[in-house]
């Protein structure tokens, strides 16, 4: 059972500037890629568009939690990393350069979020793009 939280810790936003910038950039690139993909009128990309929207929204929320020194920031970073990894891997499989670049940025964001959250991976292995965040490959 989780322990009740009684205080918020304060840290200067500069402390986590790198993860904030990477998460915010990931959100912006995902949103921009949605526009790009919709312009391709390819119905096979519906899944990609949905993932991009989810990824962008989660990145925005995670950045807000980090910036406000929320006690939930690391929990959100874990979820953000999972969504970014799925979105990133999917983007890398697409034929267009915009999707591939977005995929690369999403995987970078996933790694930054994992580092921020201080996560240990199952079986002691280090997380790396493409490894599968929760045991997926």
N, C-alpha and C. Protein backbone atom coordinates (compact mmCIF):
# COMPACT_ATOMS: atom_id res chain seq x y z
N UNK A 1 0.84 -1.18 0.00
CA UNK A 1 0.00 0.00 0.00
C UNK A 1 0.89 1.24 0.00
N UNK A 2 0.62 2.21 -0.89
CA UNK A 2 1.46 3.41 -0.95
C UNK A 2 1.37 4.23 0.34
N UNK A 3 2.50 4.86 0.67
CA UNK A 3 2.53 5.73 1.84
C UNK A 3 1.86 7.05 1.48
N UNK A 4 1.10 7.63 2.41
CA UNK A 4 0.50 8.94 2.13
C UNK A 4 1.60 10.00 2.04
N UNK A 5 1.43 10.90 1.11
CA UNK A 5 2.39 11.97 0.94
C UNK A 5 1.93 13.17 1.74
N UNK A 6 2.85 13.72 2.51
CA UNK A 6 2.47 14.85 3.36
C UNK A 6 3.09 16.16 2.91
N UNK A 7 4.13 16.10 2.07
CA UNK A 7 4.76 17.34 1.61
C UNK A 7 5.19 17.21 0.15
N UNK A 8 5.32 18.34 -0.46
CA UNK A 8 5.91 18.43 -1.79
C UNK A 8 7.35 18.88 -1.61
N UNK A 9 8.24 18.31 -2.39
CA UNK A 9 9.63 18.76 -2.37
C UNK A 9 9.76 19.88 -3.40
N UNK A 10 10.56 20.88 -3.07
CA UNK A 10 10.82 21.94 -4.03
C UNK A 10 12.22 21.76 -4.58
N UNK A 11 12.36 21.94 -5.87
CA UNK A 11 13.67 22.00 -6.50
C UNK A 11 13.58 23.03 -7.60
N UNK A 12 14.67 23.76 -7.85
CA UNK A 12 14.64 24.74 -8.94
C UNK A 12 14.42 24.03 -10.28
N UNK A 13 13.65 24.63 -11.15
CA UNK A 13 13.32 24.02 -12.43
C UNK A 13 14.59 23.71 -13.22
N UNK A 14 15.67 24.45 -12.99
CA UNK A 14 16.93 24.21 -13.70
C UNK A 14 17.49 22.82 -13.37
N UNK A 15 17.12 22.28 -12.22
CA UNK A 15 17.61 20.97 -11.81
C UNK A 15 17.27 19.90 -12.84
N UNK A 16 16.11 20.00 -13.44
CA UNK A 16 15.66 19.00 -14.41
C UNK A 16 15.39 19.64 -15.77
N UNK A 17 16.18 20.65 -16.12
CA UNK A 17 15.98 21.35 -17.39
C UNK A 17 16.06 20.39 -18.58
N UNK A 18 17.01 19.46 -18.58
CA UNK A 18 17.21 18.54 -19.73
C UNK A 18 15.95 17.72 -19.97
N UNK A 19 15.44 17.06 -18.95
CA UNK A 19 14.25 16.22 -19.16
C UNK A 19 13.06 17.07 -19.55
N UNK A 20 12.93 18.26 -18.97
CA UNK A 20 11.81 19.14 -19.35
C UNK A 20 11.89 19.52 -20.82
N UNK A 21 13.07 19.93 -21.27
CA UNK A 21 13.22 20.32 -22.67
C UNK A 21 12.95 19.15 -23.62
N UNK A 22 13.46 17.98 -23.27
CA UNK A 22 13.27 16.81 -24.14
C UNK A 22 11.80 16.41 -24.18
N UNK A 23 11.12 16.41 -23.04
CA UNK A 23 9.70 16.03 -22.99
C UNK A 23 8.86 17.04 -23.75
N UNK A 24 9.13 18.32 -23.57
CA UNK A 24 8.37 19.35 -24.29
C UNK A 24 8.62 19.29 -25.79
N UNK A 25 9.86 19.03 -26.19
CA UNK A 25 10.16 18.90 -27.61
C UNK A 25 9.45 17.68 -28.20
N UNK A 26 9.42 16.59 -27.45
CA UNK A 26 8.73 15.39 -27.92
C UNK A 26 7.25 15.69 -28.16
N UNK A 27 6.63 16.40 -27.23
CA UNK A 27 5.22 16.77 -27.40
C UNK A 27 5.02 17.56 -28.69
N UNK A 28 5.86 18.58 -28.89
CA UNK A 28 5.71 19.44 -30.06
C UNK A 28 5.92 18.68 -31.36
N UNK A 29 6.94 17.81 -31.40
CA UNK A 29 7.22 17.05 -32.62
C UNK A 29 6.09 16.06 -32.91
N UNK A 30 5.55 15.42 -31.88
CA UNK A 30 4.42 14.50 -32.08
C UNK A 30 3.21 15.24 -32.64
N UNK A 31 2.89 16.39 -32.07
CA UNK A 31 1.75 17.17 -32.56
C UNK A 31 1.97 17.59 -34.01
N UNK A 32 3.18 18.02 -34.35
CA UNK A 32 3.49 18.42 -35.71
C UNK A 32 3.42 17.24 -36.66
N UNK A 33 3.85 16.09 -36.22
CA UNK A 33 3.82 14.90 -37.06
C UNK A 33 2.39 14.44 -37.32
N UNK A 34 1.49 14.65 -36.37
CA UNK A 34 0.07 14.35 -36.60
C UNK A 34 -0.40 15.11 -37.83
N UNK A 35 -0.09 16.39 -37.90
CA UNK A 35 -0.50 17.20 -39.04
C UNK A 35 0.11 16.67 -40.33
N UNK A 36 1.38 16.31 -40.27
CA UNK A 36 2.06 15.78 -41.44
C UNK A 36 1.43 14.47 -41.92
N UNK A 37 1.17 13.56 -40.99
CA UNK A 37 0.61 12.25 -41.34
C UNK A 37 -0.81 12.40 -41.87
N UNK A 38 -1.61 13.27 -41.27
CA UNK A 38 -2.98 13.47 -41.76
C UNK A 38 -2.97 13.96 -43.20
N UNK A 39 -1.97 14.74 -43.56
CA UNK A 39 -1.85 15.23 -44.93
C UNK A 39 -1.54 14.13 -45.93
N UNK A 40 -1.11 12.97 -45.46
CA UNK A 40 -0.79 11.85 -46.35
C UNK A 40 -2.03 11.05 -46.72
N UNK A 41 -3.12 11.26 -46.01
CA UNK A 41 -4.40 10.59 -46.29
C UNK A 41 -4.27 9.07 -46.41
N UNK A 42 -3.45 8.50 -45.60
CA UNK A 42 -3.25 7.05 -45.61
C UNK A 42 -3.97 6.44 -44.41
N UNK A 43 -5.05 5.72 -44.66
CA UNK A 43 -5.86 5.16 -43.57
C UNK A 43 -5.08 4.16 -42.71
N UNK A 44 -4.02 3.59 -43.25
CA UNK A 44 -3.21 2.66 -42.47
C UNK A 44 -2.48 3.39 -41.34
N UNK A 45 -2.45 4.69 -41.37
CA UNK A 45 -1.74 5.48 -40.36
C UNK A 45 -2.63 5.91 -39.20
N UNK A 46 -3.84 5.46 -39.15
CA UNK A 46 -4.75 5.85 -38.07
C UNK A 46 -4.14 5.50 -36.71
N UNK A 47 -3.55 4.32 -36.59
CA UNK A 47 -2.93 3.92 -35.33
C UNK A 47 -1.80 4.87 -34.97
N UNK A 48 -1.02 5.27 -35.95
CA UNK A 48 0.09 6.18 -35.69
C UNK A 48 -0.44 7.52 -35.17
N UNK A 49 -1.46 8.04 -35.80
CA UNK A 49 -2.02 9.32 -35.38
C UNK A 49 -2.51 9.24 -33.94
N UNK A 50 -3.18 8.16 -33.59
CA UNK A 50 -3.67 8.00 -32.22
C UNK A 50 -2.51 7.94 -31.23
N UNK A 51 -1.47 7.19 -31.56
CA UNK A 51 -0.30 7.11 -30.67
C UNK A 51 0.38 8.46 -30.53
N UNK A 52 0.51 9.20 -31.64
CA UNK A 52 1.14 10.52 -31.59
C UNK A 52 0.37 11.46 -30.67
N UNK A 53 -0.94 11.44 -30.75
CA UNK A 53 -1.76 12.29 -29.87
C UNK A 53 -1.58 11.89 -28.41
N UNK A 54 -1.62 10.60 -28.14
CA UNK A 54 -1.43 10.12 -26.76
C UNK A 54 -0.05 10.51 -26.25
N UNK A 55 0.96 10.34 -27.08
CA UNK A 55 2.33 10.65 -26.70
C UNK A 55 2.47 12.15 -26.41
N UNK A 56 1.96 12.98 -27.29
CA UNK A 56 2.06 14.42 -27.11
C UNK A 56 1.35 14.86 -25.83
N UNK A 57 0.16 14.33 -25.58
CA UNK A 57 -0.58 14.69 -24.37
C UNK A 57 0.15 14.24 -23.11
N UNK A 58 0.71 13.03 -23.12
CA UNK A 58 1.41 12.53 -21.94
C UNK A 58 2.68 13.32 -21.71
N UNK A 59 3.38 13.70 -22.76
CA UNK A 59 4.58 14.52 -22.62
C UNK A 59 4.23 15.88 -22.01
N UNK A 60 3.14 16.49 -22.46
CA UNK A 60 2.72 17.78 -21.93
C UNK A 60 2.41 17.67 -20.43
N UNK A 61 1.68 16.65 -20.06
CA UNK A 61 1.31 16.46 -18.66
C UNK A 61 2.55 16.16 -17.80
N UNK A 62 3.43 15.33 -18.31
CA UNK A 62 4.64 14.98 -17.56
C UNK A 62 5.51 16.22 -17.35
N UNK A 63 5.66 17.04 -18.38
CA UNK A 63 6.44 18.27 -18.25
C UNK A 63 5.85 19.18 -17.19
N UNK A 64 4.54 19.27 -17.14
CA UNK A 64 3.89 20.11 -16.12
C UNK A 64 4.16 19.57 -14.72
N UNK A 65 4.08 18.26 -14.56
CA UNK A 65 4.33 17.65 -13.24
C UNK A 65 5.77 17.86 -12.81
N UNK A 66 6.71 17.75 -13.74
CA UNK A 66 8.12 17.97 -13.41
C UNK A 66 8.34 19.43 -13.03
N UNK A 67 7.79 20.35 -13.80
CA UNK A 67 7.98 21.78 -13.56
C UNK A 67 7.40 22.22 -12.23
N UNK A 68 6.31 21.60 -11.80
CA UNK A 68 5.70 22.03 -10.54
C UNK A 68 6.21 21.22 -9.35
N UNK A 69 7.26 20.40 -9.57
CA UNK A 69 7.87 19.62 -8.50
C UNK A 69 6.86 18.66 -7.86
N UNK A 70 5.98 18.13 -8.67
CA UNK A 70 4.93 17.25 -8.16
C UNK A 70 5.51 15.95 -7.60
N UNK A 71 4.89 15.49 -6.53
CA UNK A 71 5.28 14.20 -5.96
C UNK A 71 4.95 13.07 -6.92
N UNK A 72 4.14 13.34 -7.94
CA UNK A 72 3.74 12.33 -8.92
C UNK A 72 4.56 12.40 -10.21
N UNK A 73 5.53 13.30 -10.28
CA UNK A 73 6.29 13.51 -11.51
C UNK A 73 6.98 12.23 -11.97
N UNK A 74 7.60 11.51 -11.07
CA UNK A 74 8.33 10.30 -11.47
C UNK A 74 7.37 9.20 -11.93
N UNK A 75 6.21 9.12 -11.32
CA UNK A 75 5.22 8.12 -11.76
C UNK A 75 4.74 8.46 -13.17
N UNK A 76 4.53 9.73 -13.43
CA UNK A 76 4.12 10.13 -14.77
C UNK A 76 5.25 9.91 -15.78
N UNK A 77 6.48 10.10 -15.35
CA UNK A 77 7.62 9.87 -16.24
C UNK A 77 7.69 8.40 -16.67
N UNK A 78 7.33 7.49 -15.77
CA UNK A 78 7.32 6.07 -16.11
C UNK A 78 6.29 5.79 -17.21
N UNK A 79 5.11 6.34 -17.05
CA UNK A 79 4.05 6.14 -18.05
C UNK A 79 4.45 6.83 -19.36
N UNK A 80 5.01 8.02 -19.24
CA UNK A 80 5.46 8.77 -20.42
C UNK A 80 6.50 7.96 -21.19
N UNK A 81 7.43 7.35 -20.47
CA UNK A 81 8.47 6.54 -21.13
C UNK A 81 7.86 5.38 -21.90
N UNK A 82 6.87 4.73 -21.32
CA UNK A 82 6.23 3.59 -21.98
C UNK A 82 5.53 4.02 -23.26
N UNK A 83 4.76 5.10 -23.17
CA UNK A 83 4.04 5.60 -24.35
C UNK A 83 5.02 6.09 -25.41
N UNK A 84 6.06 6.82 -24.99
CA UNK A 84 7.06 7.31 -25.95
C UNK A 84 7.78 6.16 -26.64
N UNK A 85 8.06 5.10 -25.91
CA UNK A 85 8.73 3.96 -26.53
C UNK A 85 7.85 3.32 -27.60
N UNK A 86 6.58 3.11 -27.27
CA UNK A 86 5.66 2.52 -28.26
C UNK A 86 5.54 3.41 -29.49
N UNK A 87 5.35 4.71 -29.25
CA UNK A 87 5.20 5.67 -30.35
C UNK A 87 6.49 5.75 -31.16
N UNK A 88 7.62 5.77 -30.48
CA UNK A 88 8.90 5.85 -31.17
C UNK A 88 9.18 4.66 -32.05
N UNK A 89 8.97 3.47 -31.52
CA UNK A 89 9.20 2.26 -32.32
C UNK A 89 8.28 2.21 -33.52
N UNK A 90 7.03 2.62 -33.35
CA UNK A 90 6.08 2.64 -34.46
C UNK A 90 6.52 3.65 -35.52
N UNK A 91 6.97 4.83 -35.07
CA UNK A 91 7.41 5.86 -36.00
C UNK A 91 8.61 5.44 -36.82
N UNK A 92 9.53 4.72 -36.20
CA UNK A 92 10.72 4.27 -36.92
C UNK A 92 10.39 3.28 -38.03
N UNK A 93 9.25 2.61 -37.93
CA UNK A 93 8.85 1.63 -38.96
C UNK A 93 8.16 2.28 -40.16
N UNK A 94 7.85 3.57 -40.07
CA UNK A 94 7.13 4.24 -41.15
C UNK A 94 8.11 4.67 -42.25
N UNK A 95 7.59 4.83 -43.48
CA UNK A 95 8.48 5.13 -44.61
C UNK A 95 8.92 6.59 -44.71
N UNK A 96 8.22 7.51 -44.07
CA UNK A 96 8.56 8.93 -44.25
C UNK A 96 9.55 9.42 -43.20
N UNK A 97 10.35 10.38 -43.60
CA UNK A 97 11.39 10.95 -42.75
C UNK A 97 10.84 11.63 -41.50
N UNK A 98 9.71 12.31 -41.62
CA UNK A 98 9.11 13.00 -40.47
C UNK A 98 8.78 12.00 -39.37
N UNK A 99 8.19 10.86 -39.74
CA UNK A 99 7.83 9.85 -38.75
C UNK A 99 9.07 9.22 -38.12
N UNK A 100 10.09 8.99 -38.94
CA UNK A 100 11.34 8.41 -38.41
C UNK A 100 12.00 9.37 -37.42
N UNK A 101 12.06 10.64 -37.74
CA UNK A 101 12.65 11.63 -36.84
C UNK A 101 11.83 11.73 -35.55
N UNK A 102 10.52 11.72 -35.68
CA UNK A 102 9.65 11.74 -34.51
C UNK A 102 9.91 10.49 -33.66
N UNK A 103 10.07 9.35 -34.30
CA UNK A 103 10.36 8.11 -33.58
C UNK A 103 11.65 8.20 -32.79
N UNK A 104 12.66 8.79 -33.40
CA UNK A 104 13.95 8.96 -32.72
C UNK A 104 13.80 9.86 -31.50
N UNK A 105 13.06 10.95 -31.65
CA UNK A 105 12.86 11.89 -30.55
C UNK A 105 12.03 11.24 -29.44
N UNK A 106 11.04 10.46 -29.81
CA UNK A 106 10.23 9.75 -28.80
C UNK A 106 11.09 8.77 -27.99
N UNK A 107 11.98 8.06 -28.65
CA UNK A 107 12.85 7.11 -27.94
C UNK A 107 13.84 7.85 -27.03
N UNK A 108 14.31 9.00 -27.47
CA UNK A 108 15.17 9.82 -26.61
C UNK A 108 14.39 10.28 -25.38
N UNK A 109 13.16 10.68 -25.59
CA UNK A 109 12.31 11.12 -24.49
C UNK A 109 12.06 9.97 -23.52
N UNK A 110 11.81 8.78 -24.05
CA UNK A 110 11.60 7.61 -23.18
C UNK A 110 12.81 7.38 -22.30
N UNK A 111 14.00 7.48 -22.88
CA UNK A 111 15.22 7.27 -22.10
C UNK A 111 15.39 8.34 -21.03
N UNK A 112 15.15 9.59 -21.37
CA UNK A 112 15.25 10.67 -20.39
C UNK A 112 14.26 10.48 -19.25
N UNK A 113 13.06 10.04 -19.58
CA UNK A 113 12.04 9.82 -18.54
C UNK A 113 12.44 8.67 -17.62
N UNK A 114 13.00 7.61 -18.20
CA UNK A 114 13.47 6.48 -17.39
C UNK A 114 14.58 6.97 -16.46
N UNK A 115 15.51 7.75 -16.99
CA UNK A 115 16.60 8.28 -16.16
C UNK A 115 16.05 9.16 -15.05
N UNK A 116 15.10 10.03 -15.37
CA UNK A 116 14.49 10.93 -14.39
C UNK A 116 13.79 10.13 -13.29
N UNK A 117 13.07 9.10 -13.69
CA UNK A 117 12.32 8.31 -12.71
C UNK A 117 13.23 7.41 -11.88
N UNK A 118 14.48 7.22 -12.33
CA UNK A 118 15.40 6.38 -11.58
C UNK A 118 14.99 4.93 -11.55
N UNK A 119 14.48 4.46 -12.69
CA UNK A 119 13.94 3.11 -12.74
C UNK A 119 15.02 2.06 -12.89
N UNK A 120 14.80 0.93 -12.24
CA UNK A 120 15.61 -0.26 -12.46
C UNK A 120 14.78 -1.19 -13.32
N UNK A 121 15.42 -1.81 -14.28
CA UNK A 121 14.69 -2.68 -15.19
C UNK A 121 14.62 -4.09 -14.65
N UNK A 122 13.58 -4.84 -15.08
CA UNK A 122 13.48 -6.23 -14.66
C UNK A 122 14.74 -7.00 -15.05
N UNK A 123 15.14 -7.93 -14.23
CA UNK A 123 16.28 -8.80 -14.49
C UNK A 123 17.59 -8.02 -14.53
N UNK A 124 17.59 -6.79 -14.01
CA UNK A 124 18.80 -6.01 -13.91
C UNK A 124 19.35 -5.46 -15.22
N UNK A 125 18.64 -5.61 -16.31
CA UNK A 125 19.18 -5.09 -17.57
C UNK A 125 18.88 -3.60 -17.70
N UNK A 126 19.74 -2.94 -18.37
CA UNK A 126 19.55 -1.51 -18.58
C UNK A 126 18.54 -1.28 -19.69
N UNK A 127 17.78 -0.22 -19.57
CA UNK A 127 16.82 0.12 -20.62
C UNK A 127 17.58 0.72 -21.78
N UNK A 128 17.16 0.37 -22.96
CA UNK A 128 17.71 0.98 -24.18
C UNK A 128 16.61 0.98 -25.23
N UNK A 129 16.59 1.98 -26.11
CA UNK A 129 15.55 2.02 -27.14
C UNK A 129 15.45 0.70 -27.88
N UNK A 130 14.22 0.23 -28.02
CA UNK A 130 13.98 -1.01 -28.75
C UNK A 130 14.01 -2.25 -27.89
N UNK A 131 14.45 -2.13 -26.63
CA UNK A 131 14.51 -3.30 -25.77
C UNK A 131 13.15 -3.74 -25.28
N UNK A 132 12.21 -2.85 -25.22
CA UNK A 132 10.91 -3.17 -24.67
C UNK A 132 10.89 -2.76 -23.22
N UNK A 133 10.10 -1.79 -22.91
CA UNK A 133 10.13 -1.16 -21.62
C UNK A 133 9.67 -2.07 -20.50
N UNK A 134 8.58 -2.75 -20.65
CA UNK A 134 8.07 -3.63 -19.61
C UNK A 134 8.14 -5.08 -20.06
N UNK A 135 9.28 -5.46 -20.58
CA UNK A 135 9.48 -6.85 -20.98
C UNK A 135 9.09 -7.16 -22.41
N UNK A 136 8.55 -6.14 -23.13
CA UNK A 136 8.22 -6.38 -24.54
C UNK A 136 9.48 -6.30 -25.35
N UNK A 137 9.47 -6.91 -26.49
CA UNK A 137 10.59 -6.75 -27.43
C UNK A 137 10.07 -6.23 -28.72
